C-alpha atoms as a PDB file:
ATOM      1  CA  MET A   1      81.239  79.247  34.332  1.00  0.00           C
ATOM      2  CA  SER A   2      82.898  77.713  31.341  1.00  0.00           C
ATOM      3  CA  GLU A   3      82.211  79.525  28.066  1.00  0.00           C
ATOM      4  CA  LYS A   4      82.558  76.865  25.406  1.00  0.00           C
ATOM      5  CA  LEU A   5      82.852  77.891  21.768  1.00  0.00           C
ATOM      6  CA  PHE A   6      79.993  77.011  19.326  1.00  0.00           C
ATOM      7  CA  ALA A   7      80.547  77.853  15.641  1.00  0.00           C
ATOM      8  CA  ILE A   8      78.101  78.010  12.765  1.00  0.00           C
ATOM      9  CA  MET A   9      78.792  78.080   9.079  1.00  0.00           C
ATOM     10  CA  ALA A  10      76.819  77.504   5.987  1.00  0.00           C
ATOM     11  CA  ALA A  11      76.377  73.962   4.702  1.00  0.00           C
ATOM     12  CA  VAL A  12      78.262  72.841   1.598  1.00  0.00           C
ATOM     13  CA  ASP A  13      78.140  69.815  -0.699  1.00  0.00           C
ATOM     14  CA  ASN A  14      80.782  67.166  -0.284  1.00  0.00           C
ATOM     15  CA  PRO A  15      82.518  68.629   2.788  1.00  0.00           C
ATOM     16  CA  LYS A  16      84.712  65.655   3.475  1.00  0.00           C
ATOM     17  CA  SER A  17      86.311  65.662   0.088  1.00  0.00           C
ATOM     18  CA  MET A  18      86.624  69.411   0.014  1.00  0.00           C
ATOM     19  CA  LEU A  19      88.503  69.387   3.321  1.00  0.00           C
ATOM     20  CA  GLU A  20      90.718  66.479   2.375  1.00  0.00           C
ATOM     21  CA  ASN A  21      91.545  67.899  -1.167  1.00  0.00           C
ATOM     22  CA  ASN A  22      92.053  71.514   0.076  1.00  0.00           C
ATOM     23  CA  LEU A  23      93.777  70.937   3.418  1.00  0.00           C
ATOM     24  CA  MET A  24      95.585  67.694   2.345  1.00  0.00           C
ATOM     25  CA  VAL A  25      94.824  66.115   5.777  1.00  0.00           C
ATOM     26  CA  GLU A  26      92.868  63.036   6.718  1.00  0.00           C
ATOM     27  CA  VAL A  27      89.222  63.672   7.612  1.00  0.00           C
ATOM     28  CA  LYS A  28      87.386  60.948   9.558  1.00  0.00           C
ATOM     29  CA  LYS A  29      83.708  60.467   9.395  1.00  0.00           C
ATOM     30  CA  ASP A  30      81.670  59.214  12.310  1.00  0.00           C
ATOM     31  CA  ASN A  31      77.973  58.874  12.891  1.00  0.00           C
ATOM     32  CA  ILE A  32      77.466  62.584  13.661  1.00  0.00           C
ATOM     33  CA  GLY A  33      80.017  64.450  11.567  1.00  0.00           C
ATOM     34  CA  LEU A  34      83.677  64.859  10.545  1.00  0.00           C
ATOM     35  CA  ASP A  35      86.934  65.024  12.515  1.00  0.00           C
ATOM     36  CA  VAL A  36      89.586  67.134  10.755  1.00  0.00           C
ATOM     37  CA  MET A  37      92.798  65.408  11.760  1.00  0.00           C
ATOM     38  CA  GLY A  38      95.372  67.702  13.265  1.00  0.00           C
ATOM     39  CA  TYR A  39      92.847  70.509  13.788  1.00  0.00           C
ATOM     40  CA  GLU A  40      91.098  69.157  16.870  1.00  0.00           C
ATOM     41  CA  VAL A  41      87.814  70.387  15.283  1.00  0.00           C
ATOM     42  CA  HIS A  42      84.709  68.369  14.855  1.00  0.00           C
ATOM     43  CA  LEU A  43      82.099  69.413  12.382  1.00  0.00           C
ATOM     44  CA  GLU A  44      78.523  68.290  12.700  1.00  0.00           C
ATOM     45  CA  PHE A  45      75.804  68.069   9.982  1.00  0.00           C
ATOM     46  CA  ASP A  46      72.640  67.467  11.954  1.00  0.00           C
ATOM     47  CA  ASN A  47      70.956  70.340  10.058  1.00  0.00           C
ATOM     48  CA  PRO A  48      70.933  70.320   6.188  1.00  0.00           C
ATOM     49  CA  SER A  49      71.305  74.137   6.085  1.00  0.00           C
ATOM     50  CA  ILE A  50      74.249  74.677   8.488  1.00  0.00           C
ATOM     51  CA  ILE A  51      77.499  73.141   9.831  1.00  0.00           C
ATOM     52  CA  THR A  52      78.051  73.390  13.489  1.00  0.00           C
ATOM     53  CA  SER A  53      81.258  72.813  15.550  1.00  0.00           C
ATOM     54  CA  ASN A  54      82.345  72.906  19.108  1.00  0.00           C
ATOM     55  CA  ALA A  55      86.103  72.714  18.439  1.00  0.00           C
ATOM     56  CA  ASP A  56      86.455  69.799  20.778  1.00  0.00           C
ATOM     57  CA  GLY A  57      84.986  71.811  23.627  1.00  0.00           C
ATOM     58  CA  PHE A  58      87.559  74.679  23.537  1.00  0.00           C
ATOM     59  CA  PRO A  59      86.608  77.775  25.555  1.00  0.00           C
ATOM     60  CA  LEU A  60      85.443  80.763  23.617  1.00  0.00           C
ATOM     61  CA  TRP A  61      88.226  82.988  24.946  1.00  0.00           C
ATOM     62  CA  LEU A  62      90.836  80.945  23.021  1.00  0.00           C
ATOM     63  CA  TYR A  63      89.578  82.451  19.840  1.00  0.00           C
ATOM     64  CA  PHE A  64      90.616  85.854  21.197  1.00  0.00           C
ATOM     65  CA  GLN A  65      94.078  84.833  22.614  1.00  0.00           C
ATOM     66  CA  CYS A  66      96.226  86.938  20.301  1.00  0.00           C
ATOM     67  CA  THR A  67      99.646  85.935  21.457  1.00  0.00           C
ATOM     68  CA  ASN A  68     102.321  88.349  19.975  1.00  0.00           C
ATOM     69  CA  ARG A  69      99.426  90.423  18.603  1.00  0.00           C
ATOM     70  CA  ARG A  70      98.582  87.908  15.985  1.00  0.00           C
ATOM     71  CA  SER A  71      95.423  86.063  15.000  1.00  0.00           C
ATOM     72  CA  SER A  72      94.995  83.177  17.497  1.00  0.00           C
ATOM     73  CA  ASN A  73      95.817  79.661  16.672  1.00  0.00           C
ATOM     74  CA  LEU A  74      92.201  78.618  17.112  1.00  0.00           C
ATOM     75  CA  ARG A  75      90.982  81.291  14.857  1.00  0.00           C
ATOM     76  CA  ASN A  76      93.629  80.232  12.278  1.00  0.00           C
ATOM     77  CA  ARG A  77      92.260  76.676  12.443  1.00  0.00           C
ATOM     78  CA  TYR A  78      88.695  77.731  11.850  1.00  0.00           C
ATOM     79  CA  PHE A  79      89.913  79.992   8.988  1.00  0.00           C
ATOM     80  CA  ASP A  80      91.543  77.029   7.298  1.00  0.00           C
ATOM     81  CA  ILE A  81      88.364  75.003   7.545  1.00  0.00           C
ATOM     82  CA  VAL A  82      86.085  77.802   6.299  1.00  0.00           C
ATOM     83  CA  ARG A  83      88.401  78.514   3.428  1.00  0.00           C
ATOM     84  CA  ALA A  84      88.829  74.842   2.528  1.00  0.00           C
ATOM     85  CA  LEU A  85      84.978  74.544   2.369  1.00  0.00           C
ATOM     86  CA  GLY A  86      84.796  77.421  -0.094  1.00  0.00           C
ATOM     87  CA  LEU A  87      83.176  79.697   2.518  1.00  0.00           C
ATOM     88  CA  LYS A  88      83.912  83.302   3.489  1.00  0.00           C
ATOM     89  CA  GLU A  89      82.390  83.642   6.984  1.00  0.00           C
ATOM     90  CA  MET A  90      81.603  82.048  10.322  1.00  0.00           C
ATOM     91  CA  TRP A  91      79.582  82.940  13.375  1.00  0.00           C
ATOM     92  CA  LEU A  92      80.826  81.939  16.767  1.00  0.00           C
ATOM     93  CA  LEU A  93      79.161  82.191  20.094  1.00  0.00           C
ATOM     94  CA  TRP A  94      79.035  80.940  23.685  1.00  0.00           C
ATOM     95  CA  GLU A  95      77.432  77.495  23.369  1.00  0.00           C
ATOM     96  CA  ASP A  96      74.701  78.435  25.877  1.00  0.00           C
ATOM     97  CA  LEU A  97      73.362  80.930  23.351  1.00  0.00           C
ATOM     98  CA  ALA A  98      72.408  78.057  21.148  1.00  0.00           C
ATOM     99  CA  ASP A  99      69.259  77.792  23.353  1.00  0.00           C
ATOM    100  CA  TYR A 100      67.911  80.773  21.370  1.00  0.00           C
ATOM    101  CA  PHE A 101      67.564  78.731  18.230  1.00  0.00           C
ATOM    102  CA  ASP A 102      67.009  75.183  16.925  1.00  0.00           C
ATOM    103  CA  SER A 103      70.343  73.988  15.540  1.00  0.00           C
ATOM    104  CA  TYR A 104      68.703  70.997  14.101  1.00  0.00           C
ATOM    105  CA  ALA A 105      65.927  72.824  12.131  1.00  0.00           C
ATOM    106  CA  ASP A 106      66.530  76.515  11.718  1.00  0.00           C
ATOM    107  CA  ASP A 107      68.427  77.785   8.645  1.00  0.00           C
ATOM    108  CA  LEU A 108      71.131  80.361   8.890  1.00  0.00           C
ATOM    109  CA  PRO A 109      68.935  83.532   8.274  1.00  0.00           C
ATOM    110  CA  THR A 110      66.457  82.252  10.928  1.00  0.00           C
ATOM    111  CA  ILE A 111      69.294  81.690  13.397  1.00  0.00           C
ATOM    112  CA  ILE A 112      70.733  85.156  12.855  1.00  0.00           C
ATOM    113  CA  ALA A 113      67.344  86.751  13.146  1.00  0.00           C
ATOM    114  CA  LYS A 114      66.606  84.987  16.422  1.00  0.00           C
ATOM    115  CA  MET A 115      69.997  85.800  17.830  1.00  0.00           C
ATOM    116  CA  THR A 116      69.816  89.464  16.851  1.00  0.00           C
ATOM    117  CA  ALA A 117      66.217  89.980  17.993  1.00  0.00           C
ATOM    118  CA  GLU A 118      65.698  92.577  20.745  1.00  0.00           C
ATOM    119  CA  ARG A 119      66.455  91.262  24.234  1.00  0.00           C
ATOM    120  CA  THR A 120      63.675  90.806  26.622  1.00  0.00           C
ATOM    121  CA  HIS A 121      63.773  92.198  30.251  1.00  0.00           C
ATOM    122  CA  VAL A 122      64.312  88.681  31.693  1.00  0.00           C
ATOM    123  CA  GLU A 123      67.448  87.960  29.685  1.00  0.00           C
ATOM    124  CA  PHE A 124      70.757  88.138  31.574  1.00  0.00           C
ATOM    125  CA  VAL A 125      73.186  87.285  28.801  1.00  0.00           C
ATOM    126  CA  GLU A 126      74.651  89.769  26.445  1.00  0.00           C
ATOM    127  CA  ARG A 127      74.196  88.509  22.879  1.00  0.00           C
ATOM    128  CA  THR A 128      74.968  91.649  20.848  1.00  0.00           C
ATOM    129  CA  LEU A 129      76.435  90.632  17.488  1.00  0.00           C
ATOM    130  CA  GLU A 130      79.989  91.924  16.998  1.00  0.00           C
ATOM    131  CA  GLU A 131      82.100  92.003  13.932  1.00  0.00           C
ATOM    132  CA  PHE A 132      85.575  90.527  14.383  1.00  0.00           C
ATOM    133  CA  ASP A 133      88.291  93.099  13.501  1.00  0.00           C
ATOM    134  CA  LEU A 134      91.761  92.067  14.634  1.00  0.00           C
ATOM    135  CA  GLN A 135      93.167  95.618  14.417  1.00  0.00           C
ATOM    136  CA  LYS A 136      90.418  97.143  16.558  1.00  0.00           C
ATOM    137  CA  LEU A 137      90.664  94.189  19.002  1.00  0.00           C
ATOM    138  CA  LEU A 138      94.445  94.762  19.464  1.00  0.00           C
ATOM    139  CA  GLN A 139      93.824  98.450  20.385  1.00  0.00           C
ATOM    140  CA  GLN A 140      92.288  97.192  23.605  1.00  0.00           C
ATOM    141  CA  THR A 141      94.035  95.959  26.743  1.00  0.00           C
ATOM    142  CA  PRO A 142      94.399  92.167  27.026  1.00  0.00           C
ATOM    143  CA  SER A 143      94.359  90.065  30.132  1.00  0.00           C
ATOM    144  CA  GLU A 144      97.691  88.570  31.427  1.00  0.00           C
ATOM    145  CA  ASP A 145      97.328  85.560  29.043  1.00  0.00           C
ATOM    146  CA  ASP A 146      96.967  87.785  25.888  1.00  0.00           C
ATOM    147  CA  VAL A 147      93.183  87.361  25.790  1.00  0.00           C
ATOM    148  CA  TYR A 148      91.556  90.499  24.341  1.00  0.00           C
ATOM    149  CA  PRO A 149      88.134  91.621  25.306  1.00  0.00           C
ATOM    150  CA  TYR A 150      85.403  89.677  23.543  1.00  0.00           C
ATOM    151  CA  GLY A 151      81.619  89.351  23.365  1.00  0.00           C
ATOM    152  CA  MET A 152      79.453  86.184  23.343  1.00  0.00           C
ATOM    153  CA  PHE A 153      78.325  86.474  19.777  1.00  0.00           C
ATOM    154  CA  THR A 154      80.729  87.331  16.899  1.00  0.00           C
ATOM    155  CA  HIS A 155      80.716  87.274  13.074  1.00  0.00           C
ATOM    156  CA  ASP A 156      84.066  86.730  11.388  1.00  0.00           C
ATOM    157  CA  VAL A 157      84.742  87.196   7.587  1.00  0.00           C
ATOM    158  CA  PHE A 158      88.517  86.619   8.026  1.00  0.00           C
ATOM    159  CA  SER A 159      89.452  89.482   5.699  1.00  0.00           C
ATOM    160  CA  ASP A 160      92.912  89.850   7.294  1.00  0.00           C
ATOM    161  CA  LEU A 161      93.643  86.108   6.966  1.00  0.00           C
ATOM    162  CA  PHE A 162      92.439  85.912   3.285  1.00  0.00           C
ATOM    163  CA  GLN A 163      94.696  88.808   2.578  1.00  0.00           C
ATOM    164  CA  ARG A 164      97.675  87.127   4.326  1.00  0.00           C
ATOM    165  CA  VAL A 165      97.158  83.972   2.209  1.00  0.00           C
ATOM    166  CA  GLU A 166      97.218  86.052  -0.893  1.00  0.00           C
ATOM    167  CA  GLU A 167     100.410  87.826   0.127  1.00  0.00           C
ATOM    168  CA  ILE A 168     102.238  84.590   0.871  1.00  0.00           C
ATOM    169  CA  GLU A 169     101.118  82.850  -2.299  1.00  0.00           C
ATOM    170  CA  ASN A 170     102.164  85.879  -4.470  1.00  0.00           C
ATOM    171  CA  GLN A 171     105.540  86.357  -2.692  1.00  0.00           C
ATOM    172  CA  MET A 172     106.562  82.679  -2.375  1.00  0.00           C
ATOM    173  CA  ASN A 173     104.959  81.113  -5.475  1.00  0.00           C
ATOM    174  CA  VAL A 174     103.219  78.455  -3.432  1.00  0.00           C
ATOM    175  CA  VAL A 175      99.624  77.338  -2.614  1.00  0.00           C
ATOM    176  CA  VAL A 176      98.869  77.948   0.957  1.00  0.00           C
ATOM    177  CA  LEU A 177      97.068  74.864   2.414  1.00  0.00           C
ATOM    178  CA  GLY A 178      96.347  76.661   5.696  1.00  0.00           C
ATOM    179  CA  LEU A 179      97.595  79.316   8.185  1.00  0.00           C
ATOM    180  CA  THR A 180      97.607  76.906  11.105  1.00  0.00           C
ATOM    181  CA  GLU A 181     101.087  76.482  12.521  1.00  0.00           C
ATOM    182  CA  PHE A 182     101.582  72.873  13.251  1.00  0.00           C
ATOM    183  CA  GLU A 183     105.153  73.755  13.917  1.00  0.00           C
ATOM    184  CA  LYS A 184     106.071  77.231  15.348  1.00  0.00           C
ATOM    185  CA  ASN A 185     106.141  79.935  12.726  1.00  0.00           C
ATOM    186  CA  THR A 186     105.655  77.340  10.011  1.00  0.00           C
ATOM    187  CA  ILE A 187     102.574  76.705   7.800  1.00  0.00           C
ATOM    188  CA  ARG A 188     101.782  73.982   5.301  1.00  0.00           C
ATOM    189  CA  VAL A 189     102.080  74.725   1.600  1.00  0.00           C
ATOM    190  CA  MET A 190     102.131  73.126  -1.834  1.00  0.00           C
ATOM    191  CA  TYR A 191     105.038  73.923  -4.076  1.00  0.00           C
ATOM    192  CA  PRO A 192     104.713  74.156  -7.899  1.00  0.00           C
ATOM    193  CA  ASP A 193     106.046  70.599  -8.245  1.00  0.00           C
ATOM    194  CA  GLY A 194     103.172  69.300  -6.126  1.00  0.00           C
ATOM    195  CA  ARG A 195     105.326  68.707  -3.066  1.00  0.00           C
ATOM    196  CA  VAL A 196     103.604  69.532   0.265  1.00  0.00           C
ATOM    197  CA  SER A 197     105.894  70.835   2.947  1.00  0.00           C
ATOM    198  CA  GLY A 198     106.345  73.409   5.663  1.00  0.00           C
ATOM    199  CA  LEU A 199     107.093  77.016   4.989  1.00  0.00           C
ATOM    200  CA  ARG A 200     108.591  79.280   7.527  1.00  0.00           C
ATOM    201  CA  ILE A 201     106.708  82.571   7.641  1.00  0.00           C
ATOM    202  CA  ARG A 202     108.416  84.359  10.475  1.00  0.00           C
END
């Protein structure tokens, strides 16, 4: 069974311009949402209260593939998007769990309430809400491909990545556009003169 990732975050005003201005990438609009160029992430706005995404059908386990004991590339991508939208958190889940709520009509508190309601005796899927903690995750034993144990419903506030951005900006006197490495060990930043370029971070 394929466990495709489904992400939920709070809706914001003017998401296209926020993403373009803060990530400095092209964002294409289609009839159902936005494609963030280079990120392979599609954001949908069918519900006025939430933003949903399926990351182009990536499996959920990719979010927990912490190669070299670092935050995964997919998690970094989502962090960049969440941060560019002025948000602080995101919920991710196995897409089949979206059957528990109405992604077109329910607001965020309603979705969380439905997802965290007590399981009935006929349910076979584990949907316990877990808080993402990279340090705790890395204390566990990964599979051969560096995928660490994960649940089907996770809340991520990205505290480690927000801290990493602050550290880089303070040390290097740059504005971090994102932590996604489009080239190995290199992120995109804006220098004080307004120039956008890569910065090697390892």
